[in-house]
Amino acid sequence: MRGTRTQLISVLTAMCLAVALLLLWVVPGAGQQNGAIQDFRRFDVSGDTYIDAYNPNIAYAQATWLMFRADSRMVPLLRFDVSAIPRGSYITAAVLRLYVPPDQGPDTYQEPCRLAAYCVHRDWVAAQATWNHAASGVRWETAGCNGTSDRCQGYHPNEIGEATGMGQWVEIPVTTLVQGWVNGDNHGLALRGYSETWGRTAFYSSRFVNRDLRPKLEVQWTVPTPTATQTHTATSTATRTPTATQTSTPTASPTPTQTPTSTATPTQTPTVTRTSTNTQTPTQTPTRTATASPTATPWRVYLPMVVR
């Protein structure tokens, strides 16, 4: 009984260890949820300017402020390099953060000031873009980046922002927009008003002396990990394949090939034909008896003749 209990305990312990190892392999570790790896990053603006309907041929390449009007007569353009986000990633959250300079006058800051981000379809050059041109010699389809080939004609209703005071950050959700960049092309965004207001404000640009107050894009995403699962599967199949090749190597064919060589002892079969001489049909017996009987038969015939 004690021996049986000891064996039972050993078996149960081995099973528990096997289950624990299986769980360690299957359950995602830190930074993983539901088979995906989470990541977060803050991206600095890689290019920005604004275009002005009141000065349609002026490029504000060196401006430290990005001017905005809710009636979309002054439109900031911003671009962020998000190529570090792997294609196929799922964007869980993305926020554009713009800082409103303090001590603005009433001619530059006025509430309510509501704005939304529109994705841009066309390439533009920050140092050359104007109300009429996306780059030198390249016009917008419609002035002010308003054509269907220039930008999206709508925005996500939950992805809007509002300036609520000077010396503060304005946050605009842009999750849908960044997801489009990851899945396809990235030509930046345009900030336009989304309601009939006369609000206006300025934002610090990428040329402002304090880097911490420049435009920023904060993105959180998840990366699916089927590739990691496939690598596990590949290694397991690779370990099984050698065993399969080893099973096929000791093929039974070499053994049969040796058997015919051993059966080549038909050379011994003639000696065994002593037994078969009695059983064998007259075809084999006469030929071998003929060699022995010519000497035996004459003696038998000759002796009787001498007796007479």
C-alpha atoms as a PDB file:
ATOM      1  CA  MET A   1       0.000   0.000   0.000  1.00  0.00           C
ATOM      2  CA  ARG A   2       2.791   2.404   0.888  1.00  0.00           C
ATOM      3  CA  GLY A   3       4.496   1.683  -2.405  1.00  0.00           C
ATOM      4  CA  THR A   4       1.248   2.353  -4.286  1.00  0.00           C
ATOM      5  CA  ARG A   5       0.745   5.649  -2.445  1.00  0.00           C
ATOM      6  CA  THR A   6       4.303   6.715  -3.177  1.00  0.00           C
ATOM      7  CA  GLN A   7       3.833   5.984  -6.869  1.00  0.00           C
ATOM      8  CA  LEU A   8       0.513   7.864  -6.902  1.00  0.00           C
ATOM      9  CA  ILE A   9       2.109  10.917  -5.257  1.00  0.00           C
ATOM     10  CA  SER A  10       4.955  10.835  -7.765  1.00  0.00           C
ATOM     11  CA  VAL A  11       2.530  10.691 -10.700  1.00  0.00           C
ATOM     12  CA  LEU A  12       0.437  13.578  -9.323  1.00  0.00           C
ATOM     13  CA  THR A  13       3.558  15.672  -8.725  1.00  0.00           C
ATOM     14  CA  ALA A  14       4.754  15.088 -12.289  1.00  0.00           C
ATOM     15  CA  MET A  15       1.341  16.058 -13.654  1.00  0.00           C
ATOM     16  CA  CYS A  16       1.290  19.284 -11.599  1.00  0.00           C
ATOM     17  CA  LEU A  17       4.754  20.219 -12.876  1.00  0.00           C
ATOM     18  CA  ALA A  18       3.698  19.564 -16.465  1.00  0.00           C
ATOM     19  CA  VAL A  19       0.599  21.769 -16.078  1.00  0.00           C
ATOM     20  CA  ALA A  20       2.661  24.550 -14.483  1.00  0.00           C
ATOM     21  CA  LEU A  21       5.187  24.497 -17.337  1.00  0.00           C
ATOM     22  CA  LEU A  22       2.367  24.564 -19.881  1.00  0.00           C
ATOM     23  CA  LEU A  23       0.809  27.614 -18.210  1.00  0.00           C
ATOM     24  CA  LEU A  24       4.146  29.435 -18.146  1.00  0.00           C
ATOM     25  CA  TRP A  25       4.508  28.851 -21.873  1.00  0.00           C
ATOM     26  CA  VAL A  26       0.931  29.792 -22.837  1.00  0.00           C
ATOM     27  CA  VAL A  27       0.067  32.687 -20.510  1.00  0.00           C
ATOM     28  CA  PRO A  28       1.454  36.017 -21.825  1.00  0.00           C
ATOM     29  CA  GLY A  29       4.124  37.639 -19.723  1.00  0.00           C
ATOM     30  CA  ALA A  30       4.595  41.259 -18.696  1.00  0.00           C
ATOM     31  CA  GLY A  31       3.585  43.738 -21.386  1.00  0.00           C
ATOM     32  CA  GLN A  32       1.392  41.146 -23.149  1.00  0.00           C
ATOM     33  CA  GLN A  33      -2.373  40.881 -23.126  1.00  0.00           C
ATOM     34  CA  ASN A  34      -4.501  38.547 -25.183  1.00  0.00           C
ATOM     35  CA  GLY A  35      -1.554  37.472 -27.310  1.00  0.00           C
ATOM     36  CA  ALA A  36      -0.488  41.084 -28.077  1.00  0.00           C
ATOM     37  CA  ILE A  37       2.435  43.256 -26.982  1.00  0.00           C
ATOM     38  CA  GLN A  38       1.565  46.766 -25.808  1.00  0.00           C
ATOM     39  CA  ASP A  39       3.777  49.762 -26.517  1.00  0.00           C
ATOM     40  CA  PHE A  40       3.655  53.519 -25.956  1.00  0.00           C
ATOM     41  CA  ARG A  41       5.691  56.328 -27.473  1.00  0.00           C
ATOM     42  CA  ARG A  42       5.762  60.111 -27.733  1.00  0.00           C
ATOM     43  CA  PHE A  43       6.589  61.412 -31.225  1.00  0.00           C
ATOM     44  CA  ASP A  44       7.978  64.889 -31.885  1.00  0.00           C
ATOM     45  CA  VAL A  45       6.625  66.812 -34.843  1.00  0.00           C
ATOM     46  CA  SER A  46       8.722  66.260 -37.976  1.00  0.00           C
ATOM     47  CA  GLY A  47       7.276  69.134 -40.016  1.00  0.00           C
ATOM     48  CA  ASP A  48       4.750  71.927 -39.423  1.00  0.00           C
ATOM     49  CA  THR A  49       3.507  75.243 -40.792  1.00  0.00           C
ATOM     50  CA  TYR A  50       0.217  77.039 -41.317  1.00  0.00           C
ATOM     51  CA  ILE A  51      -1.519  78.398 -44.408  1.00  0.00           C
ATOM     52  CA  ASP A  52      -3.349  81.714 -44.413  1.00  0.00           C
ATOM     53  CA  ALA A  53      -6.250  82.720 -46.667  1.00  0.00           C
ATOM     54  CA  TYR A  54      -5.446  86.398 -46.043  1.00  0.00           C
ATOM     55  CA  ASN A  55      -1.881  85.924 -47.327  1.00  0.00           C
ATOM     56  CA  PRO A  56      -2.352  83.118 -49.886  1.00  0.00           C
ATOM     57  CA  ASN A  57       1.198  83.148 -51.304  1.00  0.00           C
ATOM     58  CA  ILE A  58       3.237  83.458 -48.114  1.00  0.00           C
ATOM     59  CA  ALA A  59       4.988  80.429 -46.585  1.00  0.00           C
ATOM     60  CA  TYR A  60       5.410  80.633 -42.826  1.00  0.00           C
ATOM     61  CA  ALA A  61       8.428  78.361 -42.741  1.00  0.00           C
ATOM     62  CA  GLN A  62      10.178  80.146 -39.839  1.00  0.00           C
ATOM     63  CA  ALA A  63       7.177  81.021 -37.666  1.00  0.00           C
ATOM     64  CA  THR A  64       7.377  79.962 -34.020  1.00  0.00           C
ATOM     65  CA  TRP A  65       3.566  80.118 -33.742  1.00  0.00           C
ATOM     66  CA  LEU A  66       1.000  78.083 -35.673  1.00  0.00           C
ATOM     67  CA  MET A  67      -2.026  80.323 -36.204  1.00  0.00           C
ATOM     68  CA  PHE A  68      -5.531  78.827 -36.162  1.00  0.00           C
ATOM     69  CA  ARG A  69      -9.002  80.182 -36.856  1.00  0.00           C
ATOM     70  CA  ALA A  70     -12.188  78.221 -36.233  1.00  0.00           C
ATOM     71  CA  ASP A  71     -13.606  79.486 -39.553  1.00  0.00           C
ATOM     72  CA  SER A  72     -10.720  77.611 -41.259  1.00  0.00           C
ATOM     73  CA  ARG A  73      -9.169  80.750 -42.740  1.00  0.00           C
ATOM     74  CA  MET A  74      -5.909  79.894 -40.972  1.00  0.00           C
ATOM     75  CA  VAL A  75      -5.082  76.197 -41.043  1.00  0.00           C
ATOM     76  CA  PRO A  76      -2.066  74.559 -39.285  1.00  0.00           C
ATOM     77  CA  LEU A  77      -0.445  71.590 -41.053  1.00  0.00           C
ATOM     78  CA  LEU A  78       1.517  69.029 -39.008  1.00  0.00           C
ATOM     79  CA  ARG A  79       3.335  65.826 -39.842  1.00  0.00           C
ATOM     80  CA  PHE A  80       4.682  63.065 -37.543  1.00  0.00           C
ATOM     81  CA  ASP A  81       6.943  60.174 -38.478  1.00  0.00           C
ATOM     82  CA  VAL A  82       5.259  57.092 -36.978  1.00  0.00           C
ATOM     83  CA  SER A  83       7.204  54.514 -39.012  1.00  0.00           C
ATOM     84  CA  ALA A  84       8.425  53.014 -35.719  1.00  0.00           C
ATOM     85  CA  ILE A  85       4.933  51.578 -35.224  1.00  0.00           C
ATOM     86  CA  PRO A  86       4.868  48.143 -36.936  1.00  0.00           C
ATOM     87  CA  ARG A  87       2.368  47.692 -39.732  1.00  0.00           C
ATOM     88  CA  GLY A  88      -0.626  45.685 -38.640  1.00  0.00           C
ATOM     89  CA  SER A  89      -0.549  47.215 -35.154  1.00  0.00           C
ATOM     90  CA  TYR A  90      -3.810  48.205 -33.492  1.00  0.00           C
ATOM     91  CA  ILE A  91      -3.832  51.810 -32.253  1.00  0.00           C
ATOM     92  CA  THR A  92      -5.556  51.813 -28.858  1.00  0.00           C
ATOM     93  CA  ALA A  93      -5.107  55.558 -28.219  1.00  0.00           C
ATOM     94  CA  ALA A  94      -3.487  58.536 -29.952  1.00  0.00           C
ATOM     95  CA  VAL A  95      -3.555  62.160 -28.747  1.00  0.00           C
ATOM     96  CA  LEU A  96      -2.212  65.291 -30.429  1.00  0.00           C
ATOM     97  CA  ARG A  97      -0.966  67.794 -27.807  1.00  0.00           C
ATOM     98  CA  LEU A  98      -0.538  71.497 -28.666  1.00  0.00           C
ATOM     99  CA  TYR A  99       0.515  74.216 -26.261  1.00  0.00           C
ATOM    100  CA  VAL A 100      -1.321  77.584 -26.286  1.00  0.00           C
ATOM    101  CA  PRO A 101       1.108  80.489 -25.720  1.00  0.00           C
ATOM    102  CA  PRO A 102       0.317  82.745 -22.751  1.00  0.00           C
ATOM    103  CA  ASP A 103      -0.338  86.514 -22.951  1.00  0.00           C
ATOM    104  CA  GLN A 104      -1.958  86.509 -26.382  1.00  0.00           C
ATOM    105  CA  GLY A 105      -3.947  89.531 -27.389  1.00  0.00           C
ATOM    106  CA  PRO A 106      -7.640  89.470 -28.405  1.00  0.00           C
ATOM    107  CA  ASP A 107      -6.639  89.548 -32.048  1.00  0.00           C
ATOM    108  CA  THR A 108      -4.949  86.121 -31.733  1.00  0.00           C
ATOM    109  CA  TYR A 109      -6.896  84.401 -28.951  1.00  0.00           C
ATOM    110  CA  GLN A 110     -10.662  84.219 -28.685  1.00  0.00           C
ATOM    111  CA  GLU A 111     -13.035  81.595 -27.289  1.00  0.00           C
ATOM    112  CA  PRO A 112     -14.878  79.396 -28.040  1.00  0.00           C
ATOM    113  CA  CYS A 113     -12.156  77.819 -30.119  1.00  0.00           C
ATOM    114  CA  ARG A 114     -13.017  74.288 -31.253  1.00  0.00           C
ATOM    115  CA  LEU A 115     -10.950  72.273 -33.699  1.00  0.00           C
ATOM    116  CA  ALA A 116     -10.691  68.863 -35.357  1.00  0.00           C
ATOM    117  CA  ALA A 117      -7.904  67.015 -37.180  1.00  0.00           C
ATOM    118  CA  TYR A 118      -8.360  66.055 -40.844  1.00  0.00           C
ATOM    119  CA  CYS A 119      -6.035  63.589 -42.571  1.00  0.00           C
ATOM    120  CA  VAL A 120      -4.100  65.022 -45.536  1.00  0.00           C
ATOM    121  CA  HIS A 121      -3.921  63.012 -48.788  1.00  0.00           C
ATOM    122  CA  ARG A 122      -1.321  65.050 -50.658  1.00  0.00           C
ATOM    123  CA  ASP A 123       2.412  65.538 -50.058  1.00  0.00           C
ATOM    124  CA  TRP A 124       3.336  69.031 -48.867  1.00  0.00           C
ATOM    125  CA  VAL A 125       6.587  70.766 -47.953  1.00  0.00           C
ATOM    126  CA  ALA A 126       6.619  72.710 -44.692  1.00  0.00           C
ATOM    127  CA  ALA A 127       9.065  75.339 -45.988  1.00  0.00           C
ATOM    128  CA  GLN A 128       7.045  75.905 -49.199  1.00  0.00           C
ATOM    129  CA  ALA A 129       3.358  75.316 -48.405  1.00  0.00           C
ATOM    130  CA  THR A 130       0.991  78.273 -48.805  1.00  0.00           C
ATOM    131  CA  TRP A 131      -2.758  78.723 -49.092  1.00  0.00           C
ATOM    132  CA  ASN A 132      -2.462  78.162 -52.850  1.00  0.00           C
ATOM    133  CA  HIS A 133       0.385  75.642 -53.056  1.00  0.00           C
ATOM    134  CA  ALA A 134       1.276  72.363 -51.325  1.00  0.00           C
ATOM    135  CA  ALA A 135       4.873  72.826 -52.519  1.00  0.00           C
ATOM    136  CA  SER A 136       6.682  75.059 -54.985  1.00  0.00           C
ATOM    137  CA  GLY A 137       4.988  74.653 -58.354  1.00  0.00           C
ATOM    138  CA  VAL A 138       2.404  72.164 -56.975  1.00  0.00           C
ATOM    139  CA  ARG A 139      -1.017  73.615 -56.302  1.00  0.00           C
ATOM    140  CA  TRP A 140      -3.652  72.230 -54.003  1.00  0.00           C
ATOM    141  CA  GLU A 141      -6.637  70.815 -55.845  1.00  0.00           C
ATOM    142  CA  THR A 142      -8.639  73.495 -54.053  1.00  0.00           C
ATOM    143  CA  ALA A 143      -6.898  76.399 -52.329  1.00  0.00           C
ATOM    144  CA  GLY A 144      -6.454  76.024 -48.597  1.00  0.00           C
ATOM    145  CA  CYS A 145      -6.026  72.208 -48.788  1.00  0.00           C
ATOM    146  CA  ASN A 146      -9.762  71.835 -49.365  1.00  0.00           C
ATOM    147  CA  GLY A 147     -10.042  69.446 -52.334  1.00  0.00           C
ATOM    148  CA  THR A 148     -10.995  65.777 -52.115  1.00  0.00           C
ATOM    149  CA  SER A 149      -7.495  64.815 -53.244  1.00  0.00           C
ATOM    150  CA  ASP A 150      -6.017  67.255 -50.688  1.00  0.00           C
ATOM    151  CA  ARG A 151      -7.568  65.979 -47.449  1.00  0.00           C
ATOM    152  CA  CYS A 152     -10.346  63.951 -45.841  1.00  0.00           C
ATOM    153  CA  GLN A 153     -13.685  65.671 -46.068  1.00  0.00           C
ATOM    154  CA  GLY A 154     -14.823  64.590 -42.608  1.00  0.00           C
ATOM    155  CA  TYR A 155     -13.533  63.859 -39.129  1.00  0.00           C
ATOM    156  CA  HIS A 156     -14.355  61.376 -36.398  1.00  0.00           C
ATOM    157  CA  PRO A 157     -17.041  62.916 -34.117  1.00  0.00           C
ATOM    158  CA  ASN A 158     -15.218  61.764 -30.977  1.00  0.00           C
ATOM    159  CA  GLU A 159     -11.866  63.153 -32.100  1.00  0.00           C
ATOM    160  CA  ILE A 160     -12.181  66.880 -31.467  1.00  0.00           C
ATOM    161  CA  GLY A 161     -10.523  69.368 -29.127  1.00  0.00           C
ATOM    162  CA  GLU A 162     -11.042  72.836 -27.682  1.00  0.00           C
ATOM    163  CA  ALA A 163      -8.775  75.584 -26.373  1.00  0.00           C
ATOM    164  CA  THR A 164      -9.915  76.480 -22.869  1.00  0.00           C
ATOM    165  CA  GLY A 165      -7.286  79.014 -21.873  1.00  0.00           C
ATOM    166  CA  MET A 166      -3.864  80.439 -22.622  1.00  0.00           C
ATOM    167  CA  GLY A 167      -0.761  78.797 -21.182  1.00  0.00           C
ATOM    168  CA  GLN A 168      -2.416  75.343 -21.364  1.00  0.00           C
ATOM    169  CA  TRP A 169      -2.256  72.217 -23.487  1.00  0.00           C
ATOM    170  CA  VAL A 170      -4.969  71.417 -26.010  1.00  0.00           C
ATOM    171  CA  GLU A 171      -5.508  67.686 -26.492  1.00  0.00           C
ATOM    172  CA  ILE A 172      -7.126  66.322 -29.663  1.00  0.00           C
ATOM    173  CA  PRO A 173      -7.802  62.568 -29.943  1.00  0.00           C
ATOM    174  CA  VAL A 174      -6.530  61.303 -33.314  1.00  0.00           C
ATOM    175  CA  THR A 175      -6.733  57.500 -32.881  1.00  0.00           C
ATOM    176  CA  THR A 176      -8.587  56.848 -36.139  1.00  0.00           C
ATOM    177  CA  LEU A 177      -6.270  59.160 -38.072  1.00  0.00           C
ATOM    178  CA  VAL A 178      -3.062  57.504 -36.784  1.00  0.00           C
ATOM    179  CA  GLN A 179      -4.505  54.043 -37.489  1.00  0.00           C
ATOM    180  CA  GLY A 180      -4.877  55.149 -41.103  1.00  0.00           C
ATOM    181  CA  TRP A 181      -1.214  56.190 -41.166  1.00  0.00           C
ATOM    182  CA  VAL A 182      -0.093  52.812 -39.853  1.00  0.00           C
ATOM    183  CA  ASN A 183      -2.253  50.916 -42.355  1.00  0.00           C
ATOM    184  CA  GLY A 184      -1.517  53.139 -45.360  1.00  0.00           C
ATOM    185  CA  ASP A 185       0.059  56.465 -46.324  1.00  0.00           C
ATOM    186  CA  ASN A 186       1.029  59.271 -43.964  1.00  0.00           C
ATOM    187  CA  HIS A 187       0.830  62.852 -45.256  1.00  0.00           C
ATOM    188  CA  GLY A 188       0.136  64.480 -41.924  1.00  0.00           C
ATOM    189  CA  LEU A 189      -2.954  66.347 -40.750  1.00  0.00           C
ATOM    190  CA  ALA A 190      -4.716  69.694 -41.065  1.00  0.00           C
ATOM    191  CA  LEU A 191      -6.400  71.465 -38.124  1.00  0.00           C
ATOM    192  CA  ARG A 192      -9.750  73.020 -38.975  1.00  0.00           C
ATOM    193  CA  GLY A 193     -12.719  74.334 -37.022  1.00  0.00           C
ATOM    194  CA  TYR A 194     -15.706  72.040 -36.622  1.00  0.00           C
ATOM    195  CA  SER A 195     -18.398  74.488 -35.601  1.00  0.00           C
ATOM    196  CA  GLU A 196     -19.617  77.927 -36.686  1.00  0.00           C
ATOM    197  CA  THR A 197     -17.535  80.012 -34.290  1.00  0.00           C
ATOM    198  CA  TRP A 198     -15.152  82.925 -34.613  1.00  0.00           C
ATOM    199  CA  GLY A 199     -12.657  81.447 -32.174  1.00  0.00           C
ATOM    200  CA  ARG A 200      -8.935  81.713 -32.805  1.00  0.00           C
ATOM    201  CA  THR A 201      -5.654  80.859 -31.104  1.00  0.00           C
ATOM    202  CA  ALA A 202      -1.978  80.142 -31.687  1.00  0.00           C
ATOM    203  CA  PHE A 203       0.119  77.081 -30.855  1.00  0.00           C
ATOM    204  CA  TYR A 204       3.856  76.775 -30.405  1.00  0.00           C
ATOM    205  CA  SER A 205       5.503  75.259 -33.494  1.00  0.00           C
ATOM    206  CA  SER A 206       8.523  72.959 -33.901  1.00  0.00           C
ATOM    207  CA  ARG A 207      10.712  76.076 -34.067  1.00  0.00           C
ATOM    208  CA  PHE A 208       9.889  77.298 -30.571  1.00  0.00           C
ATOM    209  CA  VAL A 209      12.947  77.488 -28.325  1.00  0.00           C
ATOM    210  CA  ASN A 210      11.513  75.268 -25.573  1.00  0.00           C
ATOM    211  CA  ARG A 211      11.364  71.730 -26.967  1.00  0.00           C
ATOM    212  CA  ASP A 212       9.030  70.591 -24.201  1.00  0.00           C
ATOM    213  CA  LEU A 213       6.290  72.930 -25.462  1.00  0.00           C
ATOM    214  CA  ARG A 214       6.464  71.908 -29.100  1.00  0.00           C
ATOM    215  CA  PRO A 215       3.681  69.816 -30.727  1.00  0.00           C
ATOM    216  CA  LYS A 216       3.681  66.177 -29.648  1.00  0.00           C
ATOM    217  CA  LEU A 217       1.870  63.023 -30.613  1.00  0.00           C
ATOM    218  CA  GLU A 218       1.367  60.354 -27.934  1.00  0.00           C
ATOM    219  CA  VAL A 219       0.438  56.915 -29.244  1.00  0.00           C
ATOM    220  CA  GLN A 220      -0.366  53.646 -27.528  1.00  0.00           C
ATOM    221  CA  TRP A 221      -0.697  50.492 -29.622  1.00  0.00           C
ATOM    222  CA  THR A 222      -0.689  46.715 -29.509  1.00  0.00           C
ATOM    223  CA  VAL A 223       1.213  44.393 -31.809  1.00  0.00           C
ATOM    224  CA  PRO A 224      -0.336  40.965 -32.503  1.00  0.00           C
ATOM    225  CA  THR A 225       2.078  38.099 -31.832  1.00  0.00           C
ATOM    226  CA  PRO A 226       1.046  35.230 -34.130  1.00  0.00           C
ATOM    227  CA  THR A 227       4.608  35.287 -35.442  1.00  0.00           C
ATOM    228  CA  ALA A 228       5.919  34.187 -32.047  1.00  0.00           C
ATOM    229  CA  THR A 229       3.441  31.300 -32.029  1.00  0.00           C
ATOM    230  CA  GLN A 230       4.496  30.289 -35.525  1.00  0.00           C
ATOM    231  CA  THR A 231       8.145  30.190 -34.517  1.00  0.00           C
ATOM    232  CA  HIS A 232       7.258  27.838 -31.644  1.00  0.00           C
ATOM    233  CA  THR A 233       5.362  25.603 -34.076  1.00  0.00           C
ATOM    234  CA  ALA A 234       8.228  25.646 -36.545  1.00  0.00           C
ATOM    235  CA  THR A 235      10.752  24.519 -33.964  1.00  0.00           C
ATOM    236  CA  SER A 236       8.518  21.688 -32.763  1.00  0.00           C
ATOM    237  CA  THR A 237       7.953  20.368 -36.280  1.00  0.00           C
ATOM    238  CA  ALA A 238      11.639  20.655 -36.991  1.00  0.00           C
ATOM    239  CA  THR A 239      12.441  18.392 -34.046  1.00  0.00           C
ATOM    240  CA  ARG A 240       9.906  15.832 -35.247  1.00  0.00           C
ATOM    241  CA  THR A 241      11.210  15.768 -38.816  1.00  0.00           C
ATOM    242  CA  PRO A 242      14.623  14.346 -37.929  1.00  0.00           C
ATOM    243  CA  THR A 243      12.969  11.427 -36.102  1.00  0.00           C
ATOM    244  CA  ALA A 244      10.947  10.783 -39.225  1.00  0.00           C
ATOM    245  CA  THR A 245      14.060  10.733 -41.377  1.00  0.00           C
ATOM    246  CA  GLN A 246      15.795   8.438 -38.906  1.00  0.00           C
ATOM    247  CA  THR A 247      12.884   6.004 -39.076  1.00  0.00           C
ATOM    248  CA  SER A 248      13.086   5.963 -42.846  1.00  0.00           C
ATOM    249  CA  THR A 249      16.876   5.445 -42.906  1.00  0.00           C
ATOM    250  CA  PRO A 250      16.879   1.976 -41.326  1.00  0.00           C
ATOM    251  CA  THR A 251      14.668   0.966 -44.216  1.00  0.00           C
ATOM    252  CA  ALA A 252      13.924  -2.701 -44.512  1.00  0.00           C
ATOM    253  CA  SER A 253      15.359  -2.598 -48.029  1.00  0.00           C
ATOM    254  CA  PRO A 254      18.984  -3.174 -46.960  1.00  0.00           C
ATOM    255  CA  THR A 255      17.980  -6.322 -45.047  1.00  0.00           C
ATOM    256  CA  PRO A 256      16.138  -7.804 -48.016  1.00  0.00           C
ATOM    257  CA  THR A 257      19.106  -7.070 -50.231  1.00  0.00           C
ATOM    258  CA  GLN A 258      21.261  -9.107 -47.878  1.00  0.00           C
ATOM    259  CA  THR A 259      18.728 -11.951 -47.882  1.00  0.00           C
ATOM    260  CA  PRO A 260      19.110 -12.522 -51.628  1.00  0.00           C
ATOM    261  CA  THR A 261      22.859 -12.818 -51.139  1.00  0.00           C
ATOM    262  CA  SER A 262      22.302 -15.463 -48.444  1.00  0.00           C
ATOM    263  CA  THR A 263      19.799 -17.243 -50.667  1.00  0.00           C
ATOM    264  CA  ALA A 264      22.516 -17.375 -53.240  1.00  0.00           C
ATOM    265  CA  THR A 265      23.372 -20.632 -51.407  1.00  0.00           C
ATOM    266  CA  PRO A 266      21.571 -22.437 -54.168  1.00  0.00           C
ATOM    267  CA  THR A 267      25.149 -23.626 -54.629  1.00  0.00           C
ATOM    268  CA  GLN A 268      24.476 -25.722 -51.548  1.00  0.00           C
ATOM    269  CA  THR A 269      21.144 -26.817 -52.920  1.00  0.00           C
ATOM    270  CA  PRO A 270      22.772 -29.235 -55.403  1.00  0.00           C
ATOM    271  CA  THR A 271      24.337 -31.057 -52.435  1.00  0.00           C
ATOM    272  CA  VAL A 272      20.947 -31.141 -50.836  1.00  0.00           C
ATOM    273  CA  THR A 273      19.657 -32.620 -54.067  1.00  0.00           C
ATOM    274  CA  ARG A 274      20.781 -35.964 -52.721  1.00  0.00           C
ATOM    275  CA  THR A 275      17.435 -36.009 -51.037  1.00  0.00           C
ATOM    276  CA  SER A 276      15.843 -34.602 -54.067  1.00  0.00           C
ATOM    277  CA  THR A 277      17.411 -37.256 -56.329  1.00  0.00           C
ATOM    278  CA  ASN A 278      14.825 -39.711 -55.067  1.00  0.00           C
ATOM    279  CA  THR A 279      11.994 -37.225 -55.340  1.00  0.00           C
ATOM    280  CA  GLN A 280      13.079 -35.294 -58.384  1.00  0.00           C
ATOM    281  CA  THR A 281      11.473 -36.124 -61.650  1.00  0.00           C
ATOM    282  CA  PRO A 282      13.353 -38.070 -64.253  1.00  0.00           C
ATOM    283  CA  THR A 283      14.651 -34.850 -65.718  1.00  0.00           C
ATOM    284  CA  GLN A 284      17.348 -34.386 -63.099  1.00  0.00           C
ATOM    285  CA  THR A 285      17.936 -38.028 -62.068  1.00  0.00           C
ATOM    286  CA  PRO A 286      18.895 -39.466 -65.456  1.00  0.00           C
ATOM    287  CA  THR A 287      21.456 -36.799 -66.181  1.00  0.00           C
ATOM    288  CA  ARG A 288      23.333 -37.417 -62.936  1.00  0.00           C
ATOM    289  CA  THR A 289      22.775 -41.208 -62.907  1.00  0.00           C
ATOM    290  CA  ALA A 290      24.047 -41.429 -66.458  1.00  0.00           C
ATOM    291  CA  THR A 291      27.457 -40.360 -65.299  1.00  0.00           C
ATOM    292  CA  ALA A 292      27.608 -43.113 -62.633  1.00  0.00           C
ATOM    293  CA  SER A 293      25.852 -46.024 -64.467  1.00  0.00           C
ATOM    294  CA  PRO A 294      28.131 -46.358 -67.558  1.00  0.00           C
ATOM    295  CA  THR A 295      30.877 -47.744 -65.315  1.00  0.00           C
ATOM    296  CA  ALA A 296      28.579 -49.958 -63.187  1.00  0.00           C
ATOM    297  CA  THR A 297      26.433 -51.531 -65.936  1.00  0.00           C
ATOM    298  CA  PRO A 298      29.224 -53.083 -68.106  1.00  0.00           C
ATOM    299  CA  TRP A 299      30.591 -55.034 -65.143  1.00  0.00           C
ATOM    300  CA  ARG A 300      27.248 -56.623 -64.457  1.00  0.00           C
ATOM    301  CA  VAL A 301      26.851 -57.729 -68.074  1.00  0.00           C
ATOM    302  CA  TYR A 302      30.375 -59.026 -68.394  1.00  0.00           C
ATOM    303  CA  LEU A 303      30.413 -61.382 -65.349  1.00  0.00           C
ATOM    304  CA  PRO A 304      27.646 -63.674 -66.527  1.00  0.00           C
ATOM    305  CA  MET A 305      29.374 -64.247 -69.829  1.00  0.00           C
ATOM    306  CA  VAL A 306      32.556 -65.435 -68.032  1.00  0.00           C
ATOM    307  CA  VAL A 307      30.607 -68.023 -66.029  1.00  0.00           C
ATOM    308  CA  ARG A 308      29.386 -69.721 -69.146  1.00  0.00           C
END
